[in-house]
């Protein structure tokens, strides 16, 4: 019975299709689209993303503007988040919870809190704020200093870093403003005040002028001083490299790799280990006090400090 019903239904279906075809003109035979289904492939494990390859930092082979064979003896690139205590202290060796240079009549009190590291640089920040030193002296400003010397008077304690002869350079951006005094200099490791090599000093009211000085005692013990200045563009608007090449027979000062002054008097050239200092002073006999237009806070920004030797 089931087979007979299936046959009847099949015959009826063929008849309907044939009748429909005859009712249409020739050439209009309907085309039935058949959808082809592509089998879904089995999921595969995605390929691992390759690890990016860091471009190596170029190997430093010489100071800015120099050629020949040099060895890097000391490098501070300030790439971390804090000051490297193995290389730096934040005051002179007479540190007493801070420090200043009273003989210059400077107006700032140097504090550890004014030295910060970040974004690949160290900031020596001057602020207009009142503080009192442990000895009761009042100061209207605070600022920052870094030194590779000692923070104590005890000469049996070695300095953080001292050297005799070499090429010392600092890449920095100086602040502008009356009463601000940026400096990068060298002092003797025996903690005397001379000799002194001033790699650069820039007064905030004249940010286009680099002051370069040498202080020393002559053969009779008399205090001597030689100095020069170079005036260029406003150095507070960009980064610049300040350097001295200290050799037994000469001292040569550079700005951005270009010689700006030299001393060839061998008797005046320091011949003893010296350490590094960078600081931002406020006021004093030389720059004078800040005025109402001096911006605070202001900072001496330092990208790196390096010492090379041949």
Protein backbone atom coordinates (compact mmCIF):
# COMPACT_ATOMS: atom_id res chain seq x y z
CA UNK A 1 0.00 0.00 0.00
CA UNK A 2 2.85 2.39 0.92
CA UNK A 3 4.62 1.71 -2.41
CA UNK A 4 1.38 2.41 -4.39
CA UNK A 5 0.86 5.79 -2.59
CA UNK A 6 4.48 6.85 -3.22
CA UNK A 7 4.07 6.05 -6.93
CA UNK A 8 0.86 8.08 -7.20
CA UNK A 9 2.50 11.11 -5.52
CA UNK A 10 5.54 10.90 -7.78
CA UNK A 11 3.36 10.80 -10.91
CA UNK A 12 1.40 13.83 -9.74
CA UNK A 13 4.60 15.79 -9.07
CA UNK A 14 6.00 15.07 -12.56
CA UNK A 15 2.69 16.10 -14.15
CA UNK A 16 2.68 19.43 -12.27
CA UNK A 17 6.25 20.22 -13.30
CA UNK A 18 5.60 19.31 -16.97
CA UNK A 19 2.42 21.38 -17.08
CA UNK A 20 4.25 24.39 -15.64
CA UNK A 21 6.95 24.09 -18.26
CA UNK A 22 4.43 23.93 -21.15
CA UNK A 23 2.64 27.05 -19.87
CA UNK A 24 5.78 29.18 -20.42
CA UNK A 25 7.38 30.20 -23.73
CA UNK A 26 10.43 28.29 -24.93
CA UNK A 27 13.63 29.71 -23.51
CA UNK A 28 11.97 30.60 -20.27
CA UNK A 29 12.57 27.31 -18.62
CA UNK A 30 13.16 28.08 -14.95
CA UNK A 31 16.63 27.44 -13.62
CA UNK A 32 16.80 26.12 -10.13
CA UNK A 33 19.84 27.41 -8.24
CA UNK A 34 21.51 24.86 -6.10
CA UNK A 35 23.55 26.19 -3.21
CA UNK A 36 26.84 24.40 -2.82
CA UNK A 37 27.93 24.10 0.77
CA UNK A 38 31.68 24.18 1.39
CA UNK A 39 32.66 21.98 4.27
CA UNK A 40 33.83 23.94 7.30
CA UNK A 41 37.49 23.21 7.91
CA UNK A 42 38.58 22.08 11.30
CA UNK A 43 39.86 24.96 13.42
CA UNK A 44 43.62 25.22 13.53
CA UNK A 45 45.80 26.73 16.25
CA UNK A 46 46.79 30.30 15.29
CA UNK A 47 50.48 30.89 14.63
CA UNK A 48 52.34 32.59 17.47
CA UNK A 49 53.01 36.34 17.04
CA UNK A 50 56.77 36.84 16.60
CA UNK A 51 58.50 38.74 19.41
CA UNK A 52 59.52 42.26 18.26
CA UNK A 53 63.25 42.68 17.84
CA UNK A 54 64.61 45.73 19.65
CA UNK A 55 66.96 47.89 17.64
CA UNK A 56 70.30 47.81 19.47
CA UNK A 57 71.51 51.07 20.92
CA UNK A 58 74.50 52.28 18.89
CA UNK A 59 77.77 51.47 20.61
CA UNK A 60 79.38 54.64 21.95
CA UNK A 61 82.91 54.89 20.62
CA UNK A 62 83.88 58.53 21.27
CA UNK A 63 82.65 61.76 22.85
CA UNK A 64 80.49 64.13 20.80
CA UNK A 65 82.56 65.71 18.04
CA UNK A 66 85.64 63.57 18.77
CA UNK A 67 87.32 60.72 16.90
CA UNK A 68 90.04 58.20 17.58
CA UNK A 69 90.28 55.55 20.27
CA UNK A 70 88.45 56.38 23.52
CA UNK A 71 87.35 54.27 26.46
CA UNK A 72 84.21 55.11 28.41
CA UNK A 73 85.26 55.29 32.06
CA UNK A 74 82.06 56.64 33.62
CA UNK A 75 78.50 56.86 32.31
CA UNK A 76 75.34 58.13 33.99
CA UNK A 77 72.36 58.03 31.62
CA UNK A 78 69.63 58.44 34.27
CA UNK A 79 67.41 55.79 32.68
CA UNK A 80 65.92 54.45 35.92
CA UNK A 81 63.33 55.83 38.31
CA UNK A 82 65.73 56.95 41.03
CA UNK A 83 69.20 58.40 41.49
CA UNK A 84 71.97 55.79 41.50
CA UNK A 85 73.47 56.02 44.96
CA UNK A 86 76.55 54.11 43.84
CA UNK A 87 77.47 57.04 41.59
CA UNK A 88 75.99 60.15 43.19
CA UNK A 89 75.38 62.05 46.39
CA UNK A 90 73.09 65.08 46.61
CA UNK A 91 75.22 67.51 48.62
CA UNK A 92 78.75 68.71 49.18
CA UNK A 93 80.93 66.86 51.70
CA UNK A 94 79.70 69.20 54.45
CA UNK A 95 76.19 67.76 54.08
CA UNK A 96 74.00 68.48 57.13
CA UNK A 97 70.52 67.40 56.00
CA UNK A 98 71.24 69.68 53.05
CA UNK A 99 73.90 72.21 52.14
CA UNK A 100 74.76 75.49 50.44
CA UNK A 101 77.85 77.61 49.65
CA UNK A 102 77.68 80.41 52.17
CA UNK A 103 80.77 82.21 50.81
CA UNK A 104 78.91 82.89 47.54
CA UNK A 105 75.89 84.18 49.47
CA UNK A 106 73.68 81.78 47.54
CA UNK A 107 70.00 81.82 48.47
CA UNK A 108 69.14 78.13 48.07
CA UNK A 109 69.33 75.15 50.39
CA UNK A 110 70.19 71.97 48.46
CA UNK A 111 67.96 69.01 49.34
CA UNK A 112 67.65 65.41 48.24
CA UNK A 113 63.95 66.00 47.47
CA UNK A 114 64.85 68.43 44.69
CA UNK A 115 66.70 65.75 42.70
CA UNK A 116 64.38 63.47 40.73
CA UNK A 117 64.96 60.92 37.97
CA UNK A 118 62.45 60.00 35.26
CA UNK A 119 61.86 60.07 31.51
CA UNK A 120 65.55 59.33 30.94
CA UNK A 121 66.88 62.42 32.71
CA UNK A 122 67.67 63.86 36.11
CA UNK A 123 65.97 67.09 37.19
CA UNK A 124 67.70 69.50 39.55
CA UNK A 125 64.73 71.62 40.51
CA UNK A 126 64.78 75.06 42.11
CA UNK A 127 61.68 76.01 44.10
CA UNK A 128 60.52 79.13 45.87
CA UNK A 129 59.87 77.72 49.33
CA UNK A 130 60.98 78.63 52.82
CA UNK A 131 63.14 76.16 54.75
CA UNK A 132 65.33 76.34 57.81
CA UNK A 133 68.72 74.65 57.95
CA UNK A 134 69.66 72.61 61.04
CA UNK A 135 71.87 75.50 62.23
CA UNK A 136 68.87 77.86 62.22
CA UNK A 137 69.60 79.75 59.00
CA UNK A 138 66.53 80.56 56.92
CA UNK A 139 66.40 80.09 53.15
CA UNK A 140 63.72 81.28 50.73
CA UNK A 141 64.60 78.73 48.03
CA UNK A 142 65.51 75.07 47.68
CA UNK A 143 67.30 73.39 44.80
CA UNK A 144 69.10 70.26 43.60
CA UNK A 145 72.71 69.13 43.24
CA UNK A 146 74.48 65.90 42.30
CA UNK A 147 78.12 65.09 43.04
CA UNK A 148 80.35 62.07 42.46
CA UNK A 149 82.38 63.06 45.52
CA UNK A 150 81.77 62.28 49.21
CA UNK A 151 78.93 63.37 51.43
CA UNK A 152 81.16 63.29 54.52
CA UNK A 153 84.36 65.06 55.53
CA UNK A 154 86.19 61.79 56.28
CA UNK A 155 88.90 61.42 53.61
CA UNK A 156 89.17 57.69 54.30
CA UNK A 157 85.76 57.33 52.64
CA UNK A 158 86.38 57.10 48.90
CA UNK A 159 84.52 59.43 46.54
CA UNK A 160 81.83 57.86 44.37
CA UNK A 161 83.95 58.56 41.29
CA UNK A 162 87.11 60.57 40.70
CA UNK A 163 89.54 60.59 37.80
CA UNK A 164 92.69 62.26 36.55
CA UNK A 165 92.69 63.41 32.92
CA UNK A 166 89.99 62.61 30.41
CA UNK A 167 87.13 64.03 28.41
CA UNK A 168 84.07 64.89 30.48
CA UNK A 169 80.76 65.82 28.86
CA UNK A 170 77.21 66.60 29.94
CA UNK A 171 74.11 66.86 27.75
CA UNK A 172 71.71 69.25 29.42
CA UNK A 173 68.93 71.81 29.01
CA UNK A 174 69.41 74.89 31.15
CA UNK A 175 66.65 77.07 32.64
CA UNK A 176 66.07 80.73 31.90
CA UNK A 177 65.36 83.35 34.56
CA UNK A 178 66.98 86.05 36.65
CA UNK A 179 68.90 84.61 39.60
CA UNK A 180 69.21 81.05 38.26
CA UNK A 181 72.78 79.70 38.02
CA UNK A 182 73.42 76.39 36.21
CA UNK A 183 76.85 74.83 36.66
CA UNK A 184 78.87 71.72 35.75
CA UNK A 185 82.32 71.59 37.34
CA UNK A 186 85.17 69.56 38.84
CA UNK A 187 86.78 69.77 42.29
CA UNK A 188 89.79 67.91 43.74
CA UNK A 189 89.20 64.58 45.49
CA UNK A 190 91.19 65.78 48.54
CA UNK A 191 88.33 68.25 49.21
CA UNK A 192 90.37 71.40 48.74
CA UNK A 193 88.72 74.34 46.99
CA UNK A 194 91.37 74.47 44.23
CA UNK A 195 92.05 73.55 41.51
CA UNK A 196 88.58 73.97 40.03
CA UNK A 197 87.56 73.34 36.43
CA UNK A 198 84.25 74.97 35.46
CA UNK A 199 83.07 73.05 32.41
CA UNK A 200 80.18 75.47 32.09
CA UNK A 201 78.29 78.09 34.05
CA UNK A 202 75.21 79.75 32.60
CA UNK A 203 73.34 82.57 34.30
CA UNK A 204 69.59 82.51 33.75
CA UNK A 205 69.37 86.17 32.72
CA UNK A 206 71.90 85.49 29.91
CA UNK A 207 71.12 81.94 28.71
CA UNK A 208 73.04 82.44 25.47
CA UNK A 209 76.42 82.83 27.18
CA UNK A 210 78.58 79.97 28.42
CA UNK A 211 81.09 80.91 31.12
CA UNK A 212 84.27 78.77 31.26
CA UNK A 213 86.81 79.08 34.07
CA UNK A 214 89.91 77.55 35.61
CA UNK A 215 90.87 78.30 39.24
CA UNK A 216 94.26 77.18 40.58
CA UNK A 217 97.18 78.03 42.86
CA UNK A 218 100.43 79.00 41.19
CA UNK A 219 103.90 77.84 42.26
CA UNK A 220 104.00 80.45 45.04
CA UNK A 221 100.59 79.42 46.37
CA UNK A 222 98.89 82.52 45.05
CA UNK A 223 95.32 82.04 43.84
CA UNK A 224 94.96 82.42 40.09
CA UNK A 225 92.00 82.44 37.75
CA UNK A 226 91.61 82.22 33.98
CA UNK A 227 88.32 82.45 32.19
CA UNK A 228 86.51 83.06 28.96
CA UNK A 229 82.96 83.16 27.65
CA UNK A 230 81.24 82.16 24.44
CA UNK A 231 77.95 83.64 23.30
CA UNK A 232 75.68 81.74 20.95
CA UNK A 233 71.92 81.19 20.66
CA UNK A 234 69.56 80.99 23.62
CA UNK A 235 70.75 77.70 25.12
CA UNK A 236 67.63 77.36 27.29
CA UNK A 237 65.47 76.46 24.29
CA UNK A 238 67.11 73.12 23.47
CA UNK A 239 69.53 70.43 24.62
CA UNK A 240 73.28 71.03 24.34
CA UNK A 241 76.50 69.15 25.15
CA UNK A 242 79.05 70.91 27.37
CA UNK A 243 82.50 69.33 27.66
CA UNK A 244 86.14 69.71 28.66
CA UNK A 245 89.07 67.69 27.38
CA UNK A 246 91.50 67.62 30.32
CA UNK A 247 94.98 66.46 29.34
CA UNK A 248 98.36 66.98 31.11
CA UNK A 249 99.42 69.71 28.70
CA UNK A 250 96.11 71.46 27.97
CA UNK A 251 92.45 72.05 28.73
CA UNK A 252 89.95 72.49 25.88
CA UNK A 253 86.34 73.56 26.36
CA UNK A 254 83.62 72.47 23.90
CA UNK A 255 79.99 73.29 23.26
CA UNK A 256 78.18 70.76 21.06
CA UNK A 257 81.49 69.27 19.99
CA UNK A 258 82.98 72.60 18.83
CA UNK A 259 86.02 74.04 20.58
CA UNK A 260 85.26 77.34 22.34
CA UNK A 261 88.34 77.97 24.50
CA UNK A 262 91.61 76.38 25.59
CA UNK A 263 94.37 76.77 28.18
CA UNK A 264 97.85 75.63 27.15
CA UNK A 265 99.73 76.73 30.28
CA UNK A 266 100.92 73.38 31.63
CA UNK A 267 101.72 74.89 35.03
CA UNK A 268 98.04 75.79 35.44
CA UNK A 269 96.63 72.39 34.46
CA UNK A 270 95.35 70.32 37.43
CA UNK A 271 97.36 67.14 38.00
CA UNK A 272 95.35 65.31 40.63
CA UNK A 273 92.12 63.26 40.82
CA UNK A 274 88.92 65.29 40.64
CA UNK A 275 85.21 64.58 41.01
CA UNK A 276 82.07 65.84 39.24
CA UNK A 277 79.40 68.31 40.36
CA UNK A 278 76.25 69.53 38.59
CA UNK A 279 73.92 71.96 40.34
CA UNK A 280 71.34 74.70 39.94
CA UNK A 281 72.05 77.55 42.35
CA UNK A 282 69.66 80.39 43.15
CA UNK A 283 70.98 83.88 43.75
CA UNK A 284 74.44 84.73 45.02
CA UNK A 285 76.91 87.53 44.44
CA UNK A 286 77.34 86.76 40.74
CA UNK A 287 73.84 86.18 39.31
CA UNK A 288 71.96 88.30 41.84
CA UNK A 289 68.61 87.45 43.38
CA UNK A 290 65.56 86.25 41.43
CA UNK A 291 62.94 88.81 40.51
CA UNK A 292 59.17 88.70 40.10
CA UNK A 293 59.49 87.27 36.58
CA UNK A 294 61.77 84.35 37.52
CA UNK A 295 59.77 81.16 36.93
CA UNK A 296 59.48 78.71 39.80
CA UNK A 297 59.82 75.84 39.85
CA UNK A 298 62.69 75.80 37.34
CA UNK A 299 65.03 72.91 36.60
CA UNK A 300 68.40 72.05 35.13
CA UNK A 301 67.64 68.93 33.06
CA UNK A 302 70.49 66.47 32.47
CA UNK A 303 70.30 63.69 29.90
CA UNK A 304 73.72 62.15 30.61
CA UNK A 305 77.16 62.70 32.10
CA UNK A 306 80.13 60.75 30.73
CA UNK A 307 83.88 60.57 31.24
CA UNK A 308 86.16 59.18 28.54
CA UNK A 309 89.87 58.45 28.48
CA UNK A 310 92.27 57.62 25.67
